[in-house]
N, C-alpha and C. Protein backbone atom coordinates (compact mmCIF):
# COMPACT_ATOMS: atom_id res chain seq x y z
N MET A 1 0.85 -1.18 0.00
CA MET A 1 0.00 0.00 0.00
C MET A 1 0.89 1.24 0.00
N VAL A 2 0.58 2.14 -0.80
CA VAL A 2 1.34 3.37 -0.95
C VAL A 2 0.50 4.52 -0.40
N LEU A 3 1.12 5.33 0.45
CA LEU A 3 0.39 6.41 1.10
C LEU A 3 0.04 7.55 0.15
N SER A 4 0.72 7.67 -0.89
CA SER A 4 0.44 8.76 -1.82
C SER A 4 -0.91 8.58 -2.52
N ASP A 5 -1.45 7.37 -2.51
CA ASP A 5 -2.73 7.11 -3.16
C ASP A 5 -3.92 7.43 -2.26
N VAL A 6 -3.68 7.75 -1.01
CA VAL A 6 -4.77 8.00 -0.08
C VAL A 6 -5.09 9.49 -0.09
N SER A 7 -6.34 9.81 -0.17
CA SER A 7 -6.76 11.21 -0.10
C SER A 7 -7.89 11.32 0.93
N ILE A 8 -7.88 12.41 1.60
CA ILE A 8 -8.88 12.65 2.65
C ILE A 8 -9.65 13.89 2.24
N SER A 9 -10.95 13.78 2.30
CA SER A 9 -11.78 14.94 2.00
C SER A 9 -12.71 15.17 3.19
N VAL A 10 -12.87 16.41 3.56
CA VAL A 10 -13.70 16.79 4.69
C VAL A 10 -15.01 17.34 4.14
N VAL A 11 -16.07 16.74 4.60
CA VAL A 11 -17.39 17.19 4.17
C VAL A 11 -18.10 17.72 5.41
N GLU A 12 -18.63 18.91 5.33
CA GLU A 12 -19.30 19.52 6.48
C GLU A 12 -20.79 19.28 6.36
N ASP A 13 -21.31 18.67 7.44
CA ASP A 13 -22.75 18.43 7.50
C ASP A 13 -23.28 19.22 8.69
N LYS A 14 -23.84 20.38 8.45
CA LYS A 14 -24.27 21.28 9.53
C LYS A 14 -25.36 20.64 10.38
N GLU A 15 -26.23 19.90 9.79
CA GLU A 15 -27.32 19.29 10.54
C GLU A 15 -26.78 18.22 11.50
N ALA A 16 -25.87 17.40 11.04
CA ALA A 16 -25.28 16.35 11.89
C ALA A 16 -24.42 16.98 12.99
N SER A 17 -23.69 18.03 12.63
CA SER A 17 -22.85 18.71 13.62
C SER A 17 -23.68 19.32 14.73
N SER A 18 -24.76 20.01 14.37
CA SER A 18 -25.60 20.64 15.39
C SER A 18 -26.29 19.59 16.24
N SER A 19 -26.65 18.45 15.65
CA SER A 19 -27.27 17.37 16.41
C SER A 19 -26.28 16.79 17.41
N LEU A 20 -25.04 16.57 16.98
CA LEU A 20 -24.00 16.05 17.89
C LEU A 20 -23.69 17.06 19.00
N GLU A 21 -23.63 18.35 18.64
CA GLU A 21 -23.35 19.39 19.63
C GLU A 21 -24.45 19.45 20.68
N GLU A 22 -25.68 19.33 20.23
CA GLU A 22 -26.83 19.36 21.14
C GLU A 22 -26.81 18.15 22.08
N ALA A 23 -26.53 16.98 21.55
CA ALA A 23 -26.45 15.76 22.37
C ALA A 23 -25.30 15.87 23.39
N TYR A 24 -24.19 16.43 22.94
CA TYR A 24 -23.04 16.61 23.85
C TYR A 24 -23.42 17.55 25.00
N GLN A 25 -24.03 18.67 24.69
CA GLN A 25 -24.40 19.66 25.71
C GLN A 25 -25.41 19.07 26.69
N THR A 26 -26.39 18.32 26.20
CA THR A 26 -27.40 17.70 27.05
C THR A 26 -26.76 16.68 27.98
N ASN A 27 -25.88 15.86 27.42
CA ASN A 27 -25.18 14.84 28.21
C ASN A 27 -24.28 15.51 29.26
N LYS A 28 -23.60 16.58 28.87
CA LYS A 28 -22.71 17.31 29.79
C LYS A 28 -23.52 17.90 30.95
N ASP A 29 -24.65 18.53 30.66
CA ASP A 29 -25.49 19.12 31.69
C ASP A 29 -26.03 18.05 32.63
N SER A 30 -26.44 16.92 32.08
CA SER A 30 -26.96 15.83 32.89
C SER A 30 -25.88 15.28 33.83
N LEU A 31 -24.67 15.07 33.31
CA LEU A 31 -23.57 14.57 34.14
C LEU A 31 -23.20 15.58 35.23
N GLN A 32 -23.23 16.85 34.89
CA GLN A 32 -22.90 17.90 35.86
C GLN A 32 -23.94 17.93 36.98
N GLU A 33 -25.21 17.81 36.64
CA GLU A 33 -26.26 17.79 37.66
C GLU A 33 -26.13 16.56 38.56
N GLN A 34 -25.79 15.41 37.98
CA GLN A 34 -25.59 14.20 38.78
C GLN A 34 -24.42 14.37 39.75
N ALA A 35 -23.33 14.93 39.26
CA ALA A 35 -22.16 15.14 40.11
C ALA A 35 -22.47 16.09 41.25
N GLU A 36 -23.18 17.18 40.97
CA GLU A 36 -23.56 18.13 42.03
C GLU A 36 -24.49 17.48 43.04
N SER A 37 -25.43 16.66 42.57
CA SER A 37 -26.35 15.97 43.47
C SER A 37 -25.59 15.00 44.37
N GLN A 38 -24.66 14.24 43.79
CA GLN A 38 -23.86 13.31 44.59
C GLN A 38 -23.00 14.05 45.61
N ALA A 39 -22.45 15.19 45.22
CA ALA A 39 -21.63 15.98 46.14
C ALA A 39 -22.48 16.49 47.30
N ARG A 40 -23.71 16.96 47.02
CA ARG A 40 -24.59 17.43 48.09
C ARG A 40 -24.95 16.28 49.04
N GLN A 41 -25.25 15.11 48.47
CA GLN A 41 -25.59 13.95 49.31
C GLN A 41 -24.41 13.53 50.17
N ALA A 42 -23.21 13.54 49.61
CA ALA A 42 -22.01 13.17 50.38
C ALA A 42 -21.78 14.16 51.51
N LEU A 43 -21.92 15.44 51.23
CA LEU A 43 -21.75 16.47 52.26
C LEU A 43 -22.80 16.32 53.35
N GLN A 44 -24.04 16.05 52.96
CA GLN A 44 -25.10 15.86 53.94
C GLN A 44 -24.82 14.66 54.83
N SER A 45 -24.35 13.56 54.24
CA SER A 45 -24.06 12.37 55.06
C SER A 45 -22.88 12.60 55.99
N ILE A 46 -21.90 13.38 55.55
CA ILE A 46 -20.77 13.72 56.43
C ILE A 46 -21.25 14.56 57.60
N LEU A 47 -22.10 15.55 57.31
CA LEU A 47 -22.62 16.41 58.38
C LEU A 47 -23.47 15.63 59.37
N GLU A 48 -24.24 14.67 58.88
CA GLU A 48 -25.08 13.88 59.76
C GLU A 48 -24.26 12.91 60.61
N SER A 49 -23.16 12.41 60.07
CA SER A 49 -22.35 11.44 60.82
C SER A 49 -21.35 12.11 61.75
N ALA A 50 -21.13 13.41 61.62
CA ALA A 50 -20.19 14.12 62.48
C ALA A 50 -20.73 14.19 63.89
N PRO A 51 -19.85 14.11 64.90
CA PRO A 51 -20.33 14.23 66.28
C PRO A 51 -20.85 15.65 66.54
N ALA A 52 -21.77 15.73 67.46
CA ALA A 52 -22.35 17.02 67.81
C ALA A 52 -21.26 17.90 68.42
N PRO A 53 -21.23 19.17 68.07
CA PRO A 53 -20.21 20.05 68.64
C PRO A 53 -20.40 20.21 70.14
N LYS A 54 -19.30 20.25 70.85
CA LYS A 54 -19.35 20.43 72.30
C LYS A 54 -19.67 21.89 72.60
N PRO A 55 -20.45 22.13 73.62
CA PRO A 55 -20.76 23.52 73.95
C PRO A 55 -19.48 24.23 74.41
N VAL A 56 -19.29 25.41 73.88
CA VAL A 56 -18.10 26.18 74.21
C VAL A 56 -18.43 27.09 75.38
N SER A 57 -17.68 26.94 76.45
CA SER A 57 -17.89 27.81 77.60
C SER A 57 -17.10 29.08 77.42
N GLU A 58 -17.65 30.14 77.92
CA GLU A 58 -16.96 31.42 77.83
C GLU A 58 -15.70 31.38 78.68
N PRO A 59 -14.57 31.85 78.15
CA PRO A 59 -13.36 31.86 78.96
C PRO A 59 -13.51 32.84 80.12
N SER A 60 -12.98 32.43 81.24
CA SER A 60 -13.08 33.25 82.44
C SER A 60 -12.16 34.45 82.34
N GLN A 61 -12.65 35.60 82.71
CA GLN A 61 -11.85 36.81 82.70
C GLN A 61 -11.29 37.12 84.09
N ASN A 62 -11.68 36.31 85.08
CA ASN A 62 -11.24 36.52 86.44
C ASN A 62 -9.82 35.97 86.60
N ILE A 63 -8.87 36.83 86.85
CA ILE A 63 -7.46 36.42 86.94
C ILE A 63 -7.24 35.53 88.15
N ALA A 64 -7.89 35.83 89.26
CA ALA A 64 -7.71 35.00 90.46
C ALA A 64 -8.20 33.58 90.21
N GLU A 65 -9.30 33.45 89.48
CA GLU A 65 -9.83 32.12 89.16
C GLU A 65 -8.86 31.35 88.26
N LYS A 66 -8.31 32.03 87.26
CA LYS A 66 -7.32 31.39 86.38
C LYS A 66 -6.10 30.97 87.18
N GLN A 67 -5.66 31.81 88.11
CA GLN A 67 -4.49 31.49 88.94
C GLN A 67 -4.76 30.25 89.80
N SER A 68 -5.96 30.17 90.37
CA SER A 68 -6.28 29.01 91.22
C SER A 68 -6.35 27.73 90.40
N GLN A 69 -6.85 27.83 89.18
CA GLN A 69 -6.89 26.66 88.30
C GLN A 69 -5.49 26.21 87.93
N ARG A 70 -4.61 27.16 87.68
CA ARG A 70 -3.23 26.84 87.33
C ARG A 70 -2.53 26.19 88.52
N GLN A 71 -2.76 26.71 89.71
CA GLN A 71 -2.15 26.14 90.91
C GLN A 71 -2.64 24.72 91.15
N ALA A 72 -3.93 24.49 90.90
CA ALA A 72 -4.50 23.16 91.13
C ALA A 72 -3.86 22.12 90.23
N SER A 73 -3.50 22.50 89.02
CA SER A 73 -2.90 21.54 88.11
C SER A 73 -1.51 21.12 88.59
N PHE A 74 -0.80 21.98 89.32
CA PHE A 74 0.51 21.61 89.85
C PHE A 74 0.38 20.54 90.94
N ASP A 75 -0.72 20.58 91.68
CA ASP A 75 -0.92 19.58 92.72
C ASP A 75 -1.04 18.17 92.14
N LYS A 76 -1.59 18.07 90.94
CA LYS A 76 -1.81 16.78 90.32
C LYS A 76 -0.61 16.31 89.50
N ALA A 77 0.33 17.20 89.22
CA ALA A 77 1.43 16.89 88.32
C ALA A 77 2.45 15.98 89.00
N GLU A 78 3.14 15.22 88.15
CA GLU A 78 4.20 14.33 88.65
C GLU A 78 5.47 15.15 88.83
N ILE A 79 6.13 14.98 89.95
CA ILE A 79 7.35 15.72 90.25
C ILE A 79 8.52 15.01 89.57
N THR A 80 9.27 15.78 88.77
CA THR A 80 10.40 15.25 88.02
C THR A 80 11.70 15.60 88.73
N PRO A 81 12.59 14.64 88.94
CA PRO A 81 13.90 15.00 89.50
C PRO A 81 14.67 15.88 88.52
N MET A 82 15.42 16.83 89.04
CA MET A 82 16.14 17.77 88.18
C MET A 82 17.15 17.07 87.29
N VAL A 83 17.72 15.98 87.74
CA VAL A 83 18.72 15.27 86.95
C VAL A 83 18.10 14.67 85.69
N ASP A 84 16.79 14.42 85.68
CA ASP A 84 16.12 13.83 84.52
C ASP A 84 15.71 14.86 83.47
N ILE A 85 15.86 16.14 83.76
CA ILE A 85 15.48 17.19 82.82
C ILE A 85 16.69 17.45 81.92
N ASN A 86 16.50 17.16 80.60
CA ASN A 86 17.62 17.24 79.66
C ASN A 86 17.70 18.55 78.90
N SER A 87 16.56 19.17 78.61
CA SER A 87 16.57 20.40 77.82
C SER A 87 15.44 21.29 78.30
N GLU A 88 15.34 22.44 77.66
CA GLU A 88 14.25 23.34 78.02
C GLU A 88 12.93 22.70 77.63
N GLU A 89 12.04 22.57 78.57
CA GLU A 89 10.73 21.99 78.32
C GLU A 89 9.68 23.00 78.75
N ASN A 90 8.52 22.93 78.14
CA ASN A 90 7.47 23.90 78.44
C ASN A 90 6.95 23.77 79.86
N ARG A 91 6.59 22.57 80.25
CA ARG A 91 5.98 22.37 81.55
C ARG A 91 6.67 21.23 82.28
N VAL A 92 7.39 21.57 83.33
CA VAL A 92 8.05 20.57 84.18
C VAL A 92 7.78 20.98 85.62
N VAL A 93 7.44 20.01 86.44
CA VAL A 93 7.23 20.28 87.85
C VAL A 93 8.34 19.58 88.63
N PHE A 94 9.07 20.37 89.41
CA PHE A 94 10.08 19.80 90.29
C PHE A 94 10.04 20.58 91.59
N GLU A 95 10.56 19.99 92.64
CA GLU A 95 10.63 20.70 93.91
C GLU A 95 12.06 20.67 94.39
N GLY A 96 12.43 21.71 95.10
CA GLY A 96 13.80 21.78 95.57
C GLY A 96 13.98 22.90 96.57
N TYR A 97 15.23 23.15 96.85
CA TYR A 97 15.65 24.13 97.84
C TYR A 97 16.25 25.33 97.10
N ILE A 98 15.74 26.55 97.40
CA ILE A 98 16.30 27.77 96.81
C ILE A 98 17.46 28.19 97.68
N PHE A 99 18.68 28.24 97.09
CA PHE A 99 19.84 28.53 97.92
C PHE A 99 20.56 29.83 97.57
N ASP A 100 20.11 30.57 96.58
CA ASP A 100 20.74 31.86 96.27
C ASP A 100 19.71 32.73 95.56
N VAL A 101 19.50 33.95 96.04
CA VAL A 101 18.53 34.86 95.43
C VAL A 101 19.19 36.22 95.24
N GLU A 102 18.98 36.79 94.06
CA GLU A 102 19.49 38.12 93.76
C GLU A 102 18.38 38.88 93.04
N GLN A 103 18.19 40.15 93.42
CA GLN A 103 17.10 40.94 92.85
C GLN A 103 17.66 42.24 92.31
N ARG A 104 17.25 42.62 91.07
CA ARG A 104 17.69 43.88 90.46
C ARG A 104 16.49 44.55 89.81
N GLU A 105 16.49 45.87 89.79
CA GLU A 105 15.44 46.61 89.11
C GLU A 105 16.01 47.19 87.83
N THR A 106 15.27 47.08 86.73
CA THR A 106 15.72 47.61 85.45
C THR A 106 15.32 49.08 85.32
N LYS A 107 15.81 49.72 84.28
CA LYS A 107 15.47 51.12 84.04
C LYS A 107 13.99 51.30 83.72
N THR A 108 13.36 50.25 83.19
CA THR A 108 11.94 50.33 82.83
C THR A 108 11.02 50.05 84.00
N GLY A 109 11.57 49.73 85.17
CA GLY A 109 10.75 49.50 86.34
C GLY A 109 10.45 48.04 86.62
N ARG A 110 10.91 47.17 85.79
CA ARG A 110 10.71 45.74 86.04
C ARG A 110 11.77 45.24 87.01
N ILE A 111 11.45 44.16 87.68
CA ILE A 111 12.40 43.57 88.62
C ILE A 111 12.82 42.22 88.07
N ILE A 112 14.11 41.98 88.08
CA ILE A 112 14.65 40.69 87.66
C ILE A 112 15.08 39.95 88.91
N ILE A 113 14.55 38.76 89.09
CA ILE A 113 14.92 37.93 90.24
C ILE A 113 15.70 36.74 89.70
N ASN A 114 16.97 36.65 90.06
CA ASN A 114 17.82 35.51 89.71
C ASN A 114 17.91 34.63 90.95
N PHE A 115 17.67 33.34 90.79
CA PHE A 115 17.77 32.43 91.92
C PHE A 115 18.27 31.08 91.47
N LYS A 116 18.79 30.33 92.44
CA LYS A 116 19.31 29.00 92.15
C LYS A 116 18.54 28.00 92.99
N VAL A 117 18.20 26.86 92.35
CA VAL A 117 17.38 25.84 92.99
C VAL A 117 18.10 24.51 92.87
N THR A 118 18.02 23.69 93.92
CA THR A 118 18.59 22.35 93.86
C THR A 118 17.64 21.35 94.51
N ASP A 119 17.68 20.11 94.02
CA ASP A 119 16.98 19.02 94.69
C ASP A 119 18.01 17.96 95.10
N TYR A 120 19.26 18.35 95.11
CA TYR A 120 20.41 17.52 95.50
C TYR A 120 20.70 16.40 94.50
N THR A 121 20.01 16.40 93.33
CA THR A 121 20.43 15.54 92.23
C THR A 121 21.05 16.40 91.14
N SER A 122 20.62 17.67 91.08
CA SER A 122 21.13 18.64 90.13
C SER A 122 20.71 20.02 90.60
N SER A 123 21.18 21.06 89.93
CA SER A 123 20.82 22.44 90.29
C SER A 123 20.54 23.23 89.03
N PHE A 124 19.68 24.25 89.18
CA PHE A 124 19.36 25.14 88.07
C PHE A 124 19.50 26.57 88.53
N ALA A 125 20.04 27.41 87.63
CA ALA A 125 20.00 28.85 87.83
C ALA A 125 18.80 29.35 87.05
N MET A 126 17.93 30.08 87.70
CA MET A 126 16.68 30.50 87.06
C MET A 126 16.51 32.00 87.16
N GLN A 127 15.61 32.51 86.34
CA GLN A 127 15.38 33.95 86.31
C GLN A 127 13.89 34.20 86.15
N ARG A 128 13.39 35.20 86.86
CA ARG A 128 11.98 35.57 86.79
C ARG A 128 11.90 37.08 86.64
N TRP A 129 11.14 37.54 85.64
CA TRP A 129 10.93 38.96 85.42
C TRP A 129 9.58 39.33 86.00
N VAL A 130 9.53 40.41 86.79
CA VAL A 130 8.30 40.83 87.44
C VAL A 130 8.07 42.30 87.11
N LYS A 131 6.84 42.61 86.75
CA LYS A 131 6.47 44.01 86.52
C LYS A 131 5.61 44.44 87.70
N ILE A 132 6.03 45.47 88.40
CA ILE A 132 5.30 45.94 89.56
C ILE A 132 4.18 46.85 89.10
N VAL A 133 2.97 46.57 89.57
CA VAL A 133 1.82 47.42 89.27
C VAL A 133 1.63 48.36 90.46
N MET A 134 1.61 49.65 90.17
CA MET A 134 1.57 50.66 91.24
C MET A 134 0.29 50.59 92.06
N SER A 135 -0.83 50.22 91.48
CA SER A 135 -2.09 50.18 92.24
C SER A 135 -2.03 49.10 93.32
N SER A 136 -1.30 48.01 93.07
CA SER A 136 -1.19 46.98 94.09
C SER A 136 -0.24 47.39 95.20
N LEU A 137 0.73 48.28 94.92
CA LEU A 137 1.64 48.76 95.95
C LEU A 137 0.95 49.75 96.89
N SER A 138 0.05 50.54 96.37
CA SER A 138 -0.60 51.55 97.20
C SER A 138 -1.54 50.93 98.24
N SER A 139 -2.00 49.70 97.99
CA SER A 139 -2.88 49.05 98.95
C SER A 139 -2.10 48.37 100.08
N ILE A 140 -0.79 48.30 99.97
CA ILE A 140 0.02 47.63 101.01
C ILE A 140 0.25 48.52 102.18
């Protein structure tokens, strides 16, 4: 077979083309509606199977109440020996003996308290920054 003997001719049939275009558009619209319906059903089933949201309580604005809650959590915490603390950790509870305290006031009015604590397995040098509120001093 020789390719030079093959010829291709394009014949335009407007009626057949418009019929095919119309069928394509109808089929496309139908598939799109089915997909949207399935998506809505899937979303509805997800919403129905989701657990009910827990009621959100308003956060307490009372500082004394927050302080008492924080203190209560220390009572329940496990005490870690200082020798077992390897790096800076967010929340560690240990108990020990404070054996050196130094206090300095900065130019901005804050107080820096440097102190050293030991539990006789290890020791830490610690620092606490305190801002003095004048209204609390006047009541003393």
